[in-house]
Protein backbone atom coordinates (compact mmCIF):
# COMPACT_ATOMS: atom_id res chain seq x y z
CA UNK A 1 42.53 123.05 34.16
CA UNK A 2 44.97 123.05 36.58
CA UNK A 3 46.35 119.20 37.07
CA UNK A 4 44.64 117.87 40.40
CA UNK A 5 46.75 117.50 43.24
CA UNK A 6 48.36 114.24 44.35
CA UNK A 7 50.07 112.70 47.35
CA UNK A 8 52.96 111.98 45.21
CA UNK A 9 53.79 115.96 44.96
CA UNK A 10 52.96 116.50 48.66
CA UNK A 11 55.65 116.70 51.15
CA UNK A 12 52.86 115.84 54.11
CA UNK A 13 52.37 112.21 52.61
CA UNK A 14 54.60 109.63 54.61
CA UNK A 15 54.76 106.02 54.82
CA UNK A 16 54.92 104.41 58.33
CA UNK A 17 55.33 100.96 58.09
CA UNK A 18 52.66 99.91 55.41
CA UNK A 19 50.62 102.73 55.63
CA UNK A 20 50.31 106.18 53.82
CA UNK A 21 49.71 108.89 56.28
CA UNK A 22 49.35 112.68 56.09
CA UNK A 23 52.20 114.18 58.68
CA UNK A 24 49.93 117.55 58.91
CA UNK A 25 46.87 115.26 60.23
CA UNK A 26 44.41 114.80 57.78
CA UNK A 27 42.05 111.98 57.23
CA UNK A 28 43.28 110.11 53.92
CA UNK A 29 40.91 107.39 54.34
CA UNK A 30 37.68 107.49 55.90
CA UNK A 31 36.95 103.88 56.37
CA UNK A 32 40.19 103.02 57.97
CA UNK A 33 40.58 103.45 61.73
CA UNK A 34 43.89 105.70 61.63
CA UNK A 35 42.77 107.45 58.68
CA UNK A 36 45.79 106.32 56.72
CA UNK A 37 45.94 104.26 53.40
CA UNK A 38 47.44 100.78 52.58
CA UNK A 39 50.59 101.17 51.01
CA UNK A 40 49.65 98.62 48.05
CA UNK A 41 48.36 101.26 45.92
CA UNK A 42 51.72 103.19 46.03
CA UNK A 43 53.72 99.59 45.48
CA UNK A 44 51.64 99.21 42.41
CA UNK A 45 52.08 103.16 41.15
CA UNK A 46 48.64 103.91 41.10
CA UNK A 47 47.13 107.56 41.42
CA UNK A 48 47.46 109.05 44.98
CA UNK A 49 44.72 111.83 44.14
CA UNK A 50 42.24 112.23 46.82
CA UNK A 51 39.65 114.85 47.41
CA UNK A 52 40.61 115.76 50.90
CA UNK A 53 44.27 117.12 48.88
CA UNK A 54 42.46 119.40 46.51
CA UNK A 55 41.93 122.12 48.74
CA UNK A 56 44.09 121.78 51.44
CA UNK A 57 45.68 124.18 52.97
CA UNK A 58 48.72 122.42 54.49
CA UNK A 59 49.54 120.94 51.12
CA UNK A 60 53.08 121.58 50.51
CA UNK A 61 54.27 120.65 47.27
CA UNK A 62 57.80 119.08 47.04
CA UNK A 63 60.29 120.52 45.18
CA UNK A 64 61.58 118.67 41.79
CA UNK A 65 58.48 118.55 39.70
CA UNK A 66 55.94 115.72 39.03
CA UNK A 67 56.59 112.21 39.83
CA UNK A 68 56.30 110.64 36.07
CA UNK A 69 53.69 107.53 35.84
CA UNK A 70 56.80 105.02 34.98
CA UNK A 71 58.66 106.21 38.09
CA UNK A 72 55.98 105.02 40.22
CA UNK A 73 55.63 101.59 42.13
CA UNK A 74 57.41 98.90 42.27
CA UNK A 75 55.11 95.84 43.05
CA UNK A 76 54.16 95.24 39.34
CA UNK A 77 55.83 96.00 35.92
CA UNK A 78 54.70 99.41 34.69
CA UNK A 79 52.66 97.45 31.55
CA UNK A 80 50.55 95.48 34.04
CA UNK A 81 49.12 98.25 36.09
């Protein structure tokens, strides 16, 4: 089974202030007014795998491979996630 697509791997995922948004215009969070996510998930190194990304024609995989779990986040030490 192939790996699921993650926002860590898509060059269309951008951080604007305290929000993670899709520069291709896709809604990442249905409950937010702007369709963007709070940056806290990124800060804690949590998974950023969403159903909208799985079949997305605009998914643009970044060069350089996957972002390893231990290299994600900055708000808490790796062992406390």
